[in-house]
């Protein structure tokens, strides 16, 4: 059993791939495939999805990937990080404007 906090950032290639790729099985290395999950079809889907810029094709591939992962459940989250986002039309540079989402530093947020 391993424990890891998985965060997928703004694109599946950044977070999902590293979590489930057979090539990223690295024992004791955080944010790798710590559960040592290996599935040839999952690897093929991620490779194909990461190589295409076609949004419809990526959506279909990631839908298939999501179904496989839901069926096989190689990772079972037992907690959720308590991130909170506050938004206002008066705020500029808030978390929703960034790939970092709720982890966005607030040092550049200001009110109009």
Protein backbone atom coordinates (compact mmCIF):
# COMPACT_ATOMS: atom_id res chain seq x y z
CA UNK A 1 0.00 0.00 0.00
CA UNK A 2 1.20 3.50 -0.77
CA UNK A 3 -0.04 6.96 0.12
CA UNK A 4 0.26 9.86 -2.26
CA UNK A 5 -1.57 13.11 -2.91
CA UNK A 6 -2.50 13.15 -6.59
CA UNK A 7 -3.06 16.50 -8.30
CA UNK A 8 -3.62 16.57 -12.02
CA UNK A 9 -3.01 20.22 -12.90
CA UNK A 10 -4.54 21.65 -16.07
CA UNK A 11 -3.97 18.82 -18.53
CA UNK A 12 -4.09 15.03 -18.12
CA UNK A 13 -0.60 14.69 -19.63
CA UNK A 14 0.82 16.52 -16.60
CA UNK A 15 -0.87 14.60 -13.80
CA UNK A 16 -2.89 11.61 -14.97
CA UNK A 17 -0.12 10.15 -17.11
CA UNK A 18 2.51 10.22 -14.36
CA UNK A 19 0.07 8.56 -11.95
CA UNK A 20 -0.86 5.60 -14.16
CA UNK A 21 1.94 5.14 -16.72
CA UNK A 22 3.76 1.81 -16.51
CA UNK A 23 6.94 3.69 -17.46
CA UNK A 24 6.61 5.78 -14.30
CA UNK A 25 6.69 2.96 -11.74
CA UNK A 26 9.35 4.20 -9.33
CA UNK A 27 9.21 2.69 -5.87
CA UNK A 28 9.40 5.28 -3.11
CA UNK A 29 9.18 8.28 -5.45
CA UNK A 30 6.30 10.65 -4.74
CA UNK A 31 4.05 11.67 -7.65
CA UNK A 32 5.02 8.63 -9.68
CA UNK A 33 3.02 5.45 -10.28
CA UNK A 34 3.45 4.51 -6.61
CA UNK A 35 0.75 1.83 -6.77
CA UNK A 36 2.75 0.03 -9.50
CA UNK A 37 -0.29 -0.16 -11.76
CA UNK A 38 0.36 -1.55 -15.23
CA UNK A 39 -2.12 -1.88 -18.08
CA UNK A 40 -1.02 -1.97 -21.73
CA UNK A 41 -4.29 -0.45 -22.97
CA UNK A 42 -4.03 2.44 -20.49
CA UNK A 43 -0.46 3.11 -21.63
CA UNK A 44 -1.56 3.07 -25.30
CA UNK A 45 -4.47 5.45 -24.64
CA UNK A 46 -2.25 7.91 -22.79
CA UNK A 47 0.39 7.79 -25.52
CA UNK A 48 -2.19 8.43 -28.25
CA UNK A 49 -4.02 11.15 -26.30
CA UNK A 50 -0.77 12.91 -25.48
CA UNK A 51 0.24 12.98 -29.14
CA UNK A 52 -2.93 14.49 -30.60
CA UNK A 53 -4.19 18.07 -30.61
CA UNK A 54 -7.71 17.07 -31.70
CA UNK A 55 -10.00 17.95 -28.75
CA UNK A 56 -12.73 15.49 -29.79
CA UNK A 57 -10.24 12.63 -30.10
CA UNK A 58 -8.63 13.48 -26.75
CA UNK A 59 -12.05 13.62 -25.10
CA UNK A 60 -12.97 10.17 -26.44
CA UNK A 61 -9.63 8.67 -25.42
CA UNK A 62 -9.74 10.11 -21.92
CA UNK A 63 -13.35 8.95 -21.52
CA UNK A 64 -12.18 5.41 -22.30
CA UNK A 65 -9.22 5.81 -19.93
CA UNK A 66 -11.50 7.09 -17.18
CA UNK A 67 -13.80 4.08 -17.58
CA UNK A 68 -10.91 1.61 -17.35
CA UNK A 69 -9.53 3.33 -14.25
CA UNK A 70 -12.99 3.42 -12.65
CA UNK A 71 -13.45 -0.30 -13.34
CA UNK A 72 -9.98 -1.40 -12.20
CA UNK A 73 -9.58 1.20 -9.42
CA UNK A 74 -5.77 1.15 -9.18
CA UNK A 75 -5.90 4.21 -6.93
CA UNK A 76 -8.50 4.70 -4.21
CA UNK A 77 -8.57 8.23 -2.80
CA UNK A 78 -9.33 8.21 0.92
CA UNK A 79 -9.33 11.96 1.44
CA UNK A 80 -9.75 15.22 -0.45
CA UNK A 81 -7.58 18.27 0.12
CA UNK A 82 -9.69 21.16 1.43
CA UNK A 83 -9.04 23.80 -1.20
CA UNK A 84 -11.28 26.82 -1.24
CA UNK A 85 -11.69 29.35 -4.01
CA UNK A 86 -13.30 32.74 -3.65
CA UNK A 87 -14.15 34.64 -6.77
CA UNK A 88 -15.38 38.12 -7.50
CA UNK A 89 -15.87 40.12 -10.67
CA UNK A 90 -13.76 42.76 -8.92
CA UNK A 91 -10.80 40.40 -8.44
CA UNK A 92 -8.09 40.21 -11.09
CA UNK A 93 -5.60 37.33 -11.22
CA UNK A 94 -7.65 34.92 -9.12
CA UNK A 95 -7.26 31.14 -9.13
CA UNK A 96 -9.72 30.52 -11.95
CA UNK A 97 -7.42 32.45 -14.30
CA UNK A 98 -4.49 30.05 -13.87
CA UNK A 99 -3.43 26.49 -14.65
CA UNK A 100 -2.51 26.21 -10.96
CA UNK A 101 -6.16 26.45 -9.94
CA UNK A 102 -6.59 26.49 -6.18
CA UNK A 103 -2.82 26.34 -5.69
CA UNK A 104 -2.33 29.72 -7.38
CA UNK A 105 -0.25 32.13 -5.30
CA UNK A 106 -2.33 35.12 -4.28
CA UNK A 107 0.50 37.67 -4.45
CA UNK A 108 -0.75 39.07 -7.76
CA UNK A 109 -4.47 39.16 -7.01
CA UNK A 110 -5.93 42.64 -6.68
CA UNK A 111 -9.31 44.35 -6.79
CA UNK A 112 -10.27 46.58 -9.69
